[in-house]
Amino acid sequence: MGKALSELIQPMDARIASVRDFIHDIKPRILQSDSIVPITDPYGPSVVDPDMRCIVVSEETKKGGDAVNRVRQEKGLCVLDIHEISLVEDINHAAHEEAKISSSTQRIRLLGTLLKQPTNKDLPGTPYVIGLTGGIASGKSSVCRRLEGLGAAVIDCDKLGHKAYLPGTQGFRRVLTELGQGVLGADGSINRRALGAKVFQDRSLLDRLNQIVWPEIASMAQEEMRVLGDGGCLVCVLDAAVLIEAGWEGFCHEVWSCIIHKDEALKRILDRDRLPEEKARQSIESQLSNQERVDHSNVVFCTSWEPEVMQ
């Protein structure tokens, strides 16, 4: 789907309900039980309904009205009168938004707002915990720095992941048992490069590694939360790329996600990491989709625009 922030498009039932409410407010006498229908193709009922006589278009959709009439003629239906209307300007639009009143702008304005109410979780002894997640090159780190600048404490799960299998830890012993001595470096610690090369070639090995490391990270993160709570911290951010996959939502009061279009993510990875394009694409495809993140989130951010917009 080419629409901006398509992940934030409301479900069809909600959109139909909004249209029904609007018509009820403006001209309720035209509202019938079957007068609002979902459109699942470019034409909808306009090319099959013999009773239609008119279609309303804007300047930018005028060609669509002409296409409807061509299809109707091919089917032996009457040609529709095309009534063109001007689009209303959004006098409050920002530089990164469309000048017209549009659904794209409305979705942009949902960013950074509470999309759904947090569930009341009883997490005694902890600060208010925001789980911050996002895909590769989504701008999650920059959002985390901004939240830290506003006074939130940060628990970096990537750093905890490094600690999860340091020599002498339970994680270290279990990794060697599961994956063998071949992942050891010359200094006796686990060689992360060798470990990564091994597990990313075999999904089952990656799953086994995650089953070892994720519980260790969770335990350390929860301990840090308790320490922060004892110290009087009010809000902390659990910075975790795999927050949803690992099931760590359970000890967060809210989930905040950063999303970015795949094409923009690819461009950022190629510019930043200098990876071969195929490998960069594999990295993007191997993670959760934007839609999956949005579905789990209370708040969503997108770093596609200038830093001032993000702020």
C-alpha atoms as a PDB file:
ATOM      1  CA  MET A   1       0.000   0.000   0.000  1.00  0.00           C
ATOM      2  CA  GLY A   2       1.452   3.355  -1.051  1.00  0.00           C
ATOM      3  CA  LYS A   3      -0.413   5.564   1.407  1.00  0.00           C
ATOM      4  CA  ALA A   4       1.570   7.393   4.069  1.00  0.00           C
ATOM      5  CA  LEU A   5       1.453   5.626   7.438  1.00  0.00           C
ATOM      6  CA  SER A   6      -0.922   2.995   6.075  1.00  0.00           C
ATOM      7  CA  GLU A   7      -0.446   1.077   9.344  1.00  0.00           C
ATOM      8  CA  LEU A   8      -2.544   3.725  11.090  1.00  0.00           C
ATOM      9  CA  ILE A   9      -5.523   3.441   8.734  1.00  0.00           C
ATOM     10  CA  GLN A  10      -8.573   2.533  10.782  1.00  0.00           C
ATOM     11  CA  PRO A  11     -10.302  -0.824  10.260  1.00  0.00           C
ATOM     12  CA  MET A  12     -13.103  -0.781   7.683  1.00  0.00           C
ATOM     13  CA  ASP A  13     -15.861  -1.077  10.301  1.00  0.00           C
ATOM     14  CA  ALA A  14     -14.592   2.003  12.128  1.00  0.00           C
ATOM     15  CA  ARG A  15     -14.333   4.000   8.910  1.00  0.00           C
ATOM     16  CA  ILE A  16     -17.865   3.083   7.860  1.00  0.00           C
ATOM     17  CA  ALA A  17     -19.124   4.059  11.315  1.00  0.00           C
ATOM     18  CA  SER A  18     -17.441   7.463  10.977  1.00  0.00           C
ATOM     19  CA  VAL A  19     -19.052   8.063   7.577  1.00  0.00           C
ATOM     20  CA  ARG A  20     -22.438   7.017   8.945  1.00  0.00           C
ATOM     21  CA  ASP A  21     -22.071   9.427  11.891  1.00  0.00           C
ATOM     22  CA  PHE A  22     -21.091  12.250   9.525  1.00  0.00           C
ATOM     23  CA  ILE A  23     -24.087  11.695   7.240  1.00  0.00           C
ATOM     24  CA  HIS A  24     -26.384  11.416  10.231  1.00  0.00           C
ATOM     25  CA  ASP A  25     -25.184  14.843  11.387  1.00  0.00           C
ATOM     26  CA  ILE A  26     -25.340  16.502   7.964  1.00  0.00           C
ATOM     27  CA  LYS A  27     -28.264  14.940   6.084  1.00  0.00           C
ATOM     28  CA  PRO A  28     -29.778  11.956   7.893  1.00  0.00           C
ATOM     29  CA  ARG A  29     -32.674  11.486   5.436  1.00  0.00           C
ATOM     30  CA  ILE A  30     -30.311  10.060   2.785  1.00  0.00           C
ATOM     31  CA  LEU A  31     -28.946   7.454   5.185  1.00  0.00           C
ATOM     32  CA  GLN A  32     -30.097   3.914   4.450  1.00  0.00           C
ATOM     33  CA  SER A  33     -28.915   0.654   5.964  1.00  0.00           C
ATOM     34  CA  ASP A  34     -27.039  -0.309   2.804  1.00  0.00           C
ATOM     35  CA  SER A  35     -25.997   3.148   1.633  1.00  0.00           C
ATOM     36  CA  ILE A  36     -22.407   2.858   2.871  1.00  0.00           C
ATOM     37  CA  VAL A  37     -20.399   0.031   1.357  1.00  0.00           C
ATOM     38  CA  PRO A  38     -16.742  -0.986   1.597  1.00  0.00           C
ATOM     39  CA  ILE A  39     -14.742  -0.550  -1.599  1.00  0.00           C
ATOM     40  CA  THR A  40     -12.168  -3.261  -2.179  1.00  0.00           C
ATOM     41  CA  ASP A  41     -11.145  -2.364  -5.749  1.00  0.00           C
ATOM     42  CA  PRO A  42     -10.537   0.885  -7.674  1.00  0.00           C
ATOM     43  CA  TYR A  43     -14.187   1.193  -8.762  1.00  0.00           C
ATOM     44  CA  GLY A  44     -16.487  -0.184  -6.092  1.00  0.00           C
ATOM     45  CA  PRO A  45     -20.205  -0.168  -6.979  1.00  0.00           C
ATOM     46  CA  SER A  46     -19.766   2.636  -9.519  1.00  0.00           C
ATOM     47  CA  VAL A  47     -19.229   0.195 -12.413  1.00  0.00           C
ATOM     48  CA  VAL A  48     -21.946  -2.322 -11.500  1.00  0.00           C
ATOM     49  CA  ASP A  49     -24.857  -0.307 -10.086  1.00  0.00           C
ATOM     50  CA  PRO A  50     -27.381   0.412 -12.878  1.00  0.00           C
ATOM     51  CA  ASP A  51     -29.250   2.921 -10.712  1.00  0.00           C
ATOM     52  CA  MET A  52     -26.317   5.296 -10.295  1.00  0.00           C
ATOM     53  CA  ARG A  53     -26.545   8.523 -12.273  1.00  0.00           C
ATOM     54  CA  CYS A  54     -23.775  10.734 -10.881  1.00  0.00           C
ATOM     55  CA  ILE A  55     -20.302  10.505  -9.416  1.00  0.00           C
ATOM     56  CA  VAL A  56     -18.566  13.197  -7.351  1.00  0.00           C
ATOM     57  CA  VAL A  57     -14.847  13.713  -7.958  1.00  0.00           C
ATOM     58  CA  SER A  58     -12.138  16.203  -7.084  1.00  0.00           C
ATOM     59  CA  GLU A  59      -9.695  17.695  -9.544  1.00  0.00           C
ATOM     60  CA  GLU A  60      -7.139  15.024  -8.697  1.00  0.00           C
ATOM     61  CA  THR A  61      -9.628  12.136  -9.081  1.00  0.00           C
ATOM     62  CA  LYS A  62     -11.274  13.409 -12.295  1.00  0.00           C
ATOM     63  CA  LYS A  63      -9.424  10.782 -14.357  1.00  0.00           C
ATOM     64  CA  GLY A  64     -10.906   8.129 -12.064  1.00  0.00           C
ATOM     65  CA  GLY A  65     -14.405   9.344 -12.921  1.00  0.00           C
ATOM     66  CA  ASP A  66     -13.586   9.111 -16.630  1.00  0.00           C
ATOM     67  CA  ALA A  67     -12.280   5.562 -16.107  1.00  0.00           C
ATOM     68  CA  VAL A  68     -15.541   4.616 -14.343  1.00  0.00           C
ATOM     69  CA  ASN A  69     -17.545   5.804 -17.345  1.00  0.00           C
ATOM     70  CA  ARG A  70     -15.385   3.840 -19.782  1.00  0.00           C
ATOM     71  CA  VAL A  71     -16.007   0.645 -17.817  1.00  0.00           C
ATOM     72  CA  ARG A  72     -19.739   1.401 -17.559  1.00  0.00           C
ATOM     73  CA  GLN A  73     -19.950   1.871 -21.326  1.00  0.00           C
ATOM     74  CA  GLU A  74     -18.186  -1.446 -21.875  1.00  0.00           C
ATOM     75  CA  LYS A  75     -20.804  -3.082 -19.638  1.00  0.00           C
ATOM     76  CA  GLY A  76     -23.727  -1.376 -21.367  1.00  0.00           C
ATOM     77  CA  LEU A  77     -24.548   0.871 -18.414  1.00  0.00           C
ATOM     78  CA  CYS A  78     -25.439   4.556 -18.632  1.00  0.00           C
ATOM     79  CA  VAL A  79     -22.679   7.143 -18.479  1.00  0.00           C
ATOM     80  CA  LEU A  80     -22.572   8.966 -15.142  1.00  0.00           C
ATOM     81  CA  ASP A  81     -22.677  12.715 -14.765  1.00  0.00           C
ATOM     82  CA  ILE A  82     -19.338  13.776 -13.301  1.00  0.00           C
ATOM     83  CA  HIS A  83     -19.636  16.469 -10.657  1.00  0.00           C
ATOM     84  CA  GLU A  84     -16.270  17.997  -9.770  1.00  0.00           C
ATOM     85  CA  ILE A  85     -15.742  19.702  -6.419  1.00  0.00           C
ATOM     86  CA  SER A  86     -12.819  21.667  -5.034  1.00  0.00           C
ATOM     87  CA  LEU A  87     -10.888  20.311  -2.077  1.00  0.00           C
ATOM     88  CA  VAL A  88     -10.968  22.305   1.149  1.00  0.00           C
ATOM     89  CA  GLU A  89      -7.618  23.700   2.243  1.00  0.00           C
ATOM     90  CA  ASP A  90      -6.379  22.774   5.696  1.00  0.00           C
ATOM     91  CA  ILE A  91      -5.496  26.235   6.983  1.00  0.00           C
ATOM     92  CA  ASN A  92      -3.591  24.700   9.905  1.00  0.00           C
ATOM     93  CA  HIS A  93      -1.390  22.348   7.880  1.00  0.00           C
ATOM     94  CA  ALA A  94       2.310  22.219   8.733  1.00  0.00           C
ATOM     95  CA  ALA A  95       5.118  22.199   6.181  1.00  0.00           C
ATOM     96  CA  HIS A  96       5.369  18.388   6.247  1.00  0.00           C
ATOM     97  CA  GLU A  97       1.594  17.938   5.819  1.00  0.00           C
ATOM     98  CA  GLU A  98      -0.637  18.169   2.767  1.00  0.00           C
ATOM     99  CA  ALA A  99      -2.258  21.542   2.091  1.00  0.00           C
ATOM    100  CA  LYS A 100      -5.666  19.931   1.585  1.00  0.00           C
ATOM    101  CA  ILE A 101      -7.732  18.308   4.301  1.00  0.00           C
ATOM    102  CA  SER A 102      -6.706  14.681   3.954  1.00  0.00           C
ATOM    103  CA  SER A 103      -6.649  11.371   5.742  1.00  0.00           C
ATOM    104  CA  SER A 104      -2.850  11.267   5.366  1.00  0.00           C
ATOM    105  CA  THR A 105      -2.524  14.405   7.454  1.00  0.00           C
ATOM    106  CA  GLN A 106      -4.901  13.005  10.036  1.00  0.00           C
ATOM    107  CA  ARG A 107      -2.715   9.903  10.349  1.00  0.00           C
ATOM    108  CA  ILE A 108       0.419  12.025  10.720  1.00  0.00           C
ATOM    109  CA  ARG A 109      -1.299  13.837  13.577  1.00  0.00           C
ATOM    110  CA  LEU A 110      -1.887  10.519  15.350  1.00  0.00           C
ATOM    111  CA  LEU A 111       1.864  10.123  15.801  1.00  0.00           C
ATOM    112  CA  GLY A 112       2.961  10.698  19.370  1.00  0.00           C
ATOM    113  CA  THR A 113      -0.605  10.513  20.669  1.00  0.00           C
ATOM    114  CA  LEU A 114      -2.234   7.811  22.761  1.00  0.00           C
ATOM    115  CA  LEU A 115      -3.781   5.415  20.230  1.00  0.00           C
ATOM    116  CA  LYS A 116      -5.205   3.125  22.888  1.00  0.00           C
ATOM    117  CA  GLN A 117      -5.452   3.333  26.638  1.00  0.00           C
ATOM    118  CA  PRO A 118      -2.821   1.461  28.663  1.00  0.00           C
ATOM    119  CA  THR A 119      -4.032  -1.483  30.655  1.00  0.00           C
ATOM    120  CA  ASN A 120      -3.734  -0.982  34.393  1.00  0.00           C
ATOM    121  CA  LYS A 121      -0.802  -3.170  35.385  1.00  0.00           C
ATOM    122  CA  ASP A 122       0.238  -3.748  38.955  1.00  0.00           C
ATOM    123  CA  LEU A 123       4.038  -3.506  38.843  1.00  0.00           C
ATOM    124  CA  PRO A 124       4.914  -2.734  42.477  1.00  0.00           C
ATOM    125  CA  GLY A 125       8.238  -1.138  43.229  1.00  0.00           C
ATOM    126  CA  THR A 126       8.966   0.008  39.659  1.00  0.00           C
ATOM    127  CA  PRO A 127       8.773   3.393  37.964  1.00  0.00           C
ATOM    128  CA  TYR A 128       6.220   3.923  35.199  1.00  0.00           C
ATOM    129  CA  VAL A 129       7.719   1.728  32.464  1.00  0.00           C
ATOM    130  CA  ILE A 130       7.553   2.661  28.781  1.00  0.00           C
ATOM    131  CA  GLY A 131       8.630  -0.157  26.501  1.00  0.00           C
ATOM    132  CA  LEU A 132      10.236   1.445  23.438  1.00  0.00           C
ATOM    133  CA  THR A 133      10.711  -0.717  20.365  1.00  0.00           C
ATOM    134  CA  GLY A 134      11.280  -0.359  16.646  1.00  0.00           C
ATOM    135  CA  GLY A 135      12.802  -2.011  13.628  1.00  0.00           C
ATOM    136  CA  ILE A 136      16.263  -1.538  12.203  1.00  0.00           C
ATOM    137  CA  ALA A 137      16.978   2.085  11.169  1.00  0.00           C
ATOM    138  CA  SER A 138      13.596   3.209  12.506  1.00  0.00           C
ATOM    139  CA  GLY A 139      15.074   6.016  14.617  1.00  0.00           C
ATOM    140  CA  LYS A 140      14.374   4.274  17.921  1.00  0.00           C
ATOM    141  CA  SER A 141      17.708   5.354  19.398  1.00  0.00           C
ATOM    142  CA  SER A 142      17.095   9.027  18.622  1.00  0.00           C
ATOM    143  CA  VAL A 143      13.636   8.830  20.225  1.00  0.00           C
ATOM    144  CA  CYS A 144      15.194   7.162  23.264  1.00  0.00           C
ATOM    145  CA  ARG A 145      17.746   9.979  23.597  1.00  0.00           C
ATOM    146  CA  ARG A 146      14.961  12.553  23.455  1.00  0.00           C
ATOM    147  CA  LEU A 147      13.025  10.777  26.207  1.00  0.00           C
ATOM    148  CA  GLU A 148      16.192  10.575  28.270  1.00  0.00           C
ATOM    149  CA  GLY A 149      16.673  14.311  27.740  1.00  0.00           C
ATOM    150  CA  LEU A 150      13.189  14.838  29.158  1.00  0.00           C
ATOM    151  CA  GLY A 151      14.222  13.103  32.366  1.00  0.00           C
ATOM    152  CA  ALA A 152      13.375   9.431  31.838  1.00  0.00           C
ATOM    153  CA  ALA A 153      15.816   6.755  32.958  1.00  0.00           C
ATOM    154  CA  VAL A 154      16.796   4.288  30.213  1.00  0.00           C
ATOM    155  CA  ILE A 155      17.367   0.544  30.450  1.00  0.00           C
ATOM    156  CA  ASP A 156      19.268  -0.520  27.334  1.00  0.00           C
ATOM    157  CA  CYS A 157      18.389  -4.151  26.599  1.00  0.00           C
ATOM    158  CA  ASP A 158      21.085  -4.396  23.937  1.00  0.00           C
ATOM    159  CA  LYS A 159      23.725  -3.723  26.588  1.00  0.00           C
ATOM    160  CA  LEU A 160      22.055  -6.231  28.898  1.00  0.00           C
ATOM    161  CA  GLY A 161      22.211  -8.710  26.041  1.00  0.00           C
ATOM    162  CA  HIS A 162      26.007  -8.350  26.021  1.00  0.00           C
ATOM    163  CA  LYS A 163      26.053  -9.142  29.743  1.00  0.00           C
ATOM    164  CA  ALA A 164      23.723 -12.129  29.353  1.00  0.00           C
ATOM    165  CA  TYR A 165      26.511 -14.492  28.339  1.00  0.00           C
ATOM    166  CA  LEU A 166      29.665 -13.060  29.846  1.00  0.00           C
ATOM    167  CA  PRO A 167      32.100 -15.751  31.070  1.00  0.00           C
ATOM    168  CA  GLY A 168      30.967 -17.286  34.335  1.00  0.00           C
ATOM    169  CA  THR A 169      27.285 -16.535  33.870  1.00  0.00           C
ATOM    170  CA  GLN A 170      24.516 -19.079  33.493  1.00  0.00           C
ATOM    171  CA  GLY A 171      23.858 -17.730  30.008  1.00  0.00           C
ATOM    172  CA  PHE A 172      27.495 -18.326  29.034  1.00  0.00           C
ATOM    173  CA  ARG A 173      27.371 -21.949  30.168  1.00  0.00           C
ATOM    174  CA  ARG A 174      24.045 -22.615  28.442  1.00  0.00           C
ATOM    175  CA  VAL A 175      25.209 -21.072  25.139  1.00  0.00           C
ATOM    176  CA  LEU A 176      28.252 -23.351  25.085  1.00  0.00           C
ATOM    177  CA  THR A 177      26.100 -26.365  25.937  1.00  0.00           C
ATOM    178  CA  GLU A 178      23.577 -25.583  23.201  1.00  0.00           C
ATOM    179  CA  LEU A 179      25.844 -24.229  20.454  1.00  0.00           C
ATOM    180  CA  GLY A 180      29.239 -25.754  21.135  1.00  0.00           C
ATOM    181  CA  GLN A 181      32.778 -24.540  21.742  1.00  0.00           C
ATOM    182  CA  GLY A 182      33.026 -23.172  18.219  1.00  0.00           C
ATOM    183  CA  VAL A 183      31.506 -19.873  19.317  1.00  0.00           C
ATOM    184  CA  LEU A 184      34.354 -19.211  21.798  1.00  0.00           C
ATOM    185  CA  GLY A 185      36.946 -16.565  21.026  1.00  0.00           C
ATOM    186  CA  ALA A 186      40.671 -16.767  21.745  1.00  0.00           C
ATOM    187  CA  ASP A 187      40.175 -14.858  24.988  1.00  0.00           C
ATOM    188  CA  GLY A 188      37.726 -17.409  26.342  1.00  0.00           C
ATOM    189  CA  SER A 189      34.664 -15.234  25.875  1.00  0.00           C
ATOM    190  CA  ILE A 190      31.907 -15.790  23.354  1.00  0.00           C
ATOM    191  CA  ASN A 191      32.793 -14.397  19.935  1.00  0.00           C
ATOM    192  CA  ARG A 192      29.623 -12.530  18.982  1.00  0.00           C
ATOM    193  CA  ARG A 193      30.559 -12.439  15.307  1.00  0.00           C
ATOM    194  CA  ALA A 194      31.025 -16.219  15.193  1.00  0.00           C
ATOM    195  CA  LEU A 195      27.846 -16.693  17.223  1.00  0.00           C
ATOM    196  CA  GLY A 196      25.848 -14.457  14.909  1.00  0.00           C
ATOM    197  CA  ALA A 197      27.153 -16.163  11.783  1.00  0.00           C
ATOM    198  CA  LYS A 198      26.124 -19.536  13.192  1.00  0.00           C
ATOM    199  CA  VAL A 199      22.619 -18.761  14.422  1.00  0.00           C
ATOM    200  CA  PHE A 200      21.494 -16.574  11.531  1.00  0.00           C
ATOM    201  CA  GLN A 201      22.077 -19.456   9.141  1.00  0.00           C
ATOM    202  CA  ASP A 202      19.741 -21.690  11.140  1.00  0.00           C
ATOM    203  CA  ARG A 203      16.450 -20.359  12.490  1.00  0.00           C
ATOM    204  CA  SER A 204      16.193 -23.167  15.035  1.00  0.00           C
ATOM    205  CA  LEU A 205      19.580 -22.232  16.509  1.00  0.00           C
ATOM    206  CA  LEU A 206      18.520 -18.587  16.704  1.00  0.00           C
ATOM    207  CA  ASP A 207      15.358 -19.596  18.537  1.00  0.00           C
ATOM    208  CA  ARG A 208      17.391 -21.680  20.992  1.00  0.00           C
ATOM    209  CA  LEU A 209      19.774 -18.781  21.601  1.00  0.00           C
ATOM    210  CA  ASN A 210      16.856 -16.418  22.206  1.00  0.00           C
ATOM    211  CA  GLN A 211      15.333 -18.858  24.694  1.00  0.00           C
ATOM    212  CA  ILE A 212      18.605 -18.681  26.630  1.00  0.00           C
ATOM    213  CA  VAL A 213      19.330 -14.963  26.392  1.00  0.00           C
ATOM    214  CA  TRP A 214      15.886 -13.328  26.552  1.00  0.00           C
ATOM    215  CA  PRO A 215      15.004 -14.601  30.057  1.00  0.00           C
ATOM    216  CA  GLU A 216      18.423 -13.461  31.303  1.00  0.00           C
ATOM    217  CA  ILE A 217      17.884  -9.976  29.843  1.00  0.00           C
ATOM    218  CA  ALA A 218      14.363  -9.836  31.302  1.00  0.00           C
ATOM    219  CA  SER A 219      15.654 -10.742  34.759  1.00  0.00           C
ATOM    220  CA  MET A 220      18.360  -8.059  34.645  1.00  0.00           C
ATOM    221  CA  ALA A 221      15.932  -5.451  33.287  1.00  0.00           C
ATOM    222  CA  GLN A 222      13.404  -6.108  36.026  1.00  0.00           C
ATOM    223  CA  GLU A 223      16.121  -5.850  38.650  1.00  0.00           C
ATOM    224  CA  GLU A 224      17.189  -2.466  37.202  1.00  0.00           C
ATOM    225  CA  MET A 225      13.554  -1.346  37.344  1.00  0.00           C
ATOM    226  CA  ARG A 226      13.369  -2.223  41.033  1.00  0.00           C
ATOM    227  CA  VAL A 227      16.599  -0.342  41.735  1.00  0.00           C
ATOM    228  CA  LEU A 228      15.294   2.705  39.864  1.00  0.00           C
ATOM    229  CA  GLY A 229      12.019   2.490  41.777  1.00  0.00           C
ATOM    230  CA  ASP A 230      13.839   2.332  45.109  1.00  0.00           C
ATOM    231  CA  GLY A 231      15.792   5.399  44.042  1.00  0.00           C
ATOM    232  CA  GLY A 232      12.653   7.421  43.426  1.00  0.00           C
ATOM    233  CA  CYS A 233      12.704   7.324  39.611  1.00  0.00           C
ATOM    234  CA  LEU A 234       9.255   8.120  38.199  1.00  0.00           C
ATOM    235  CA  VAL A 235       9.573   7.026  34.549  1.00  0.00           C
ATOM    236  CA  CYS A 236      11.936   4.641  32.811  1.00  0.00           C
ATOM    237  CA  VAL A 237      12.234   3.554  29.196  1.00  0.00           C
ATOM    238  CA  LEU A 238      12.894  -0.096  28.401  1.00  0.00           C
ATOM    239  CA  ASP A 239      14.788   0.272  25.120  1.00  0.00           C
ATOM    240  CA  ALA A 240      14.310  -3.090  23.390  1.00  0.00           C
ATOM    241  CA  ALA A 241      14.248  -3.901  19.687  1.00  0.00           C
ATOM    242  CA  VAL A 242      12.729  -7.332  20.464  1.00  0.00           C
ATOM    243  CA  LEU A 243      10.300  -6.124  23.132  1.00  0.00           C
ATOM    244  CA  ILE A 244       7.257  -7.667  21.436  1.00  0.00           C
ATOM    245  CA  GLU A 245       8.924 -10.830  20.178  1.00  0.00           C
ATOM    246  CA  ALA A 246      10.363 -11.565  23.630  1.00  0.00           C
ATOM    247  CA  GLY A 247       7.058 -10.940  25.394  1.00  0.00           C
ATOM    248  CA  TRP A 248       8.422  -8.144  27.579  1.00  0.00           C
ATOM    249  CA  GLU A 249       5.225  -6.106  27.196  1.00  0.00           C
ATOM    250  CA  GLY A 250       4.076  -7.817  30.381  1.00  0.00           C
ATOM    251  CA  PHE A 251       6.311  -5.671  32.550  1.00  0.00           C
ATOM    252  CA  CYS A 252       5.694  -2.388  30.710  1.00  0.00           C
ATOM    253  CA  HIS A 253       2.857   0.012  31.441  1.00  0.00           C
ATOM    254  CA  GLU A 254       2.861   1.198  27.825  1.00  0.00           C
ATOM    255  CA  VAL A 255       4.434   0.169  24.512  1.00  0.00           C
ATOM    256  CA  TRP A 256       5.775   2.884  22.216  1.00  0.00           C
ATOM    257  CA  SER A 257       6.968   1.960  18.723  1.00  0.00           C
ATOM    258  CA  CYS A 258       9.012   3.638  16.013  1.00  0.00           C
ATOM    259  CA  ILE A 259       8.109   2.767  12.441  1.00  0.00           C
ATOM    260  CA  ILE A 260       9.619   3.716   9.105  1.00  0.00           C
ATOM    261  CA  HIS A 261       8.721   2.775   5.537  1.00  0.00           C
ATOM    262  CA  LYS A 262      10.764  -0.164   4.224  1.00  0.00           C
ATOM    263  CA  ASP A 263      12.288   1.921   1.416  1.00  0.00           C
ATOM    264  CA  GLU A 264      13.492   4.568   3.861  1.00  0.00           C
ATOM    265  CA  ALA A 265      14.829   1.895   6.224  1.00  0.00           C
ATOM    266  CA  LEU A 266      16.745   0.317   3.327  1.00  0.00           C
ATOM    267  CA  LYS A 267      18.242   3.664   2.320  1.00  0.00           C
ATOM    268  CA  ARG A 268      19.341   4.384   5.889  1.00  0.00           C
ATOM    269  CA  ILE A 269      20.933   0.953   6.315  1.00  0.00           C
ATOM    270  CA  LEU A 270      22.838   1.250   3.034  1.00  0.00           C
ATOM    271  CA  ASP A 271      24.063   4.742   3.935  1.00  0.00           C
ATOM    272  CA  ARG A 272      24.919   3.906   7.546  1.00  0.00           C
ATOM    273  CA  ASP A 273      26.176   0.334   7.530  1.00  0.00           C
ATOM    274  CA  ARG A 274      27.429  -0.031   3.951  1.00  0.00           C
ATOM    275  CA  LEU A 275      25.869  -3.489   3.764  1.00  0.00           C
ATOM    276  CA  PRO A 276      25.162  -5.260   0.476  1.00  0.00           C
ATOM    277  CA  GLU A 277      21.602  -4.426  -0.543  1.00  0.00           C
ATOM    278  CA  GLU A 278      20.423  -8.030  -0.405  1.00  0.00           C
ATOM    279  CA  LYS A 279      21.693  -8.447   3.147  1.00  0.00           C
ATOM    280  CA  ALA A 280      20.054  -5.162   4.166  1.00  0.00           C
ATOM    281  CA  ARG A 281      16.747  -6.341   2.721  1.00  0.00           C
ATOM    282  CA  GLN A 282      17.045  -9.634   4.596  1.00  0.00           C
ATOM    283  CA  SER A 283      17.573  -7.723   7.851  1.00  0.00           C
ATOM    284  CA  ILE A 284      14.379  -5.744   7.259  1.00  0.00           C
ATOM    285  CA  GLU A 285      12.305  -8.756   6.241  1.00  0.00           C
ATOM    286  CA  SER A 286      13.463 -10.853   9.205  1.00  0.00           C
ATOM    287  CA  GLN A 287      11.902  -8.505  11.768  1.00  0.00           C
ATOM    288  CA  LEU A 288       8.329  -7.758  12.761  1.00  0.00           C
ATOM    289  CA  SER A 289       6.319  -5.701  10.302  1.00  0.00           C
ATOM    290  CA  ASN A 290       5.335  -2.121  11.063  1.00  0.00           C
ATOM    291  CA  GLN A 291       1.727  -3.256  11.295  1.00  0.00           C
ATOM    292  CA  GLU A 292       2.557  -5.847  13.944  1.00  0.00           C
ATOM    293  CA  ARG A 293       4.322  -3.208  16.008  1.00  0.00           C
ATOM    294  CA  VAL A 294       1.455  -0.735  15.649  1.00  0.00           C
ATOM    295  CA  ASP A 295      -1.050  -3.395  16.685  1.00  0.00           C
ATOM    296  CA  HIS A 296       0.833  -3.837  19.981  1.00  0.00           C
ATOM    297  CA  SER A 297       1.428  -0.135  20.642  1.00  0.00           C
ATOM    298  CA  ASN A 298      -0.119   2.582  22.733  1.00  0.00           C
ATOM    299  CA  VAL A 299       1.927   5.313  21.018  1.00  0.00           C
ATOM    300  CA  VAL A 300       3.611   5.333  17.596  1.00  0.00           C
ATOM    301  CA  PHE A 301       6.382   7.537  16.204  1.00  0.00           C
ATOM    302  CA  CYS A 302       7.762   7.914  12.687  1.00  0.00           C
ATOM    303  CA  THR A 303      11.103   9.603  12.021  1.00  0.00           C
ATOM    304  CA  SER A 304      10.503  10.273   8.321  1.00  0.00           C
ATOM    305  CA  TRP A 305      10.478  14.050   8.762  1.00  0.00           C
ATOM    306  CA  GLU A 306      12.762  16.708  10.192  1.00  0.00           C
ATOM    307  CA  PRO A 307      13.958  16.389  13.810  1.00  0.00           C
ATOM    308  CA  GLU A 308      11.739  19.307  14.778  1.00  0.00           C
ATOM    309  CA  VAL A 309       8.685  17.362  13.638  1.00  0.00           C
ATOM    310  CA  MET A 310       9.823  14.355  15.672  1.00  0.00           C
ATOM    311  CA  GLN A 311      10.263  16.545  18.746  1.00  0.00           C
END
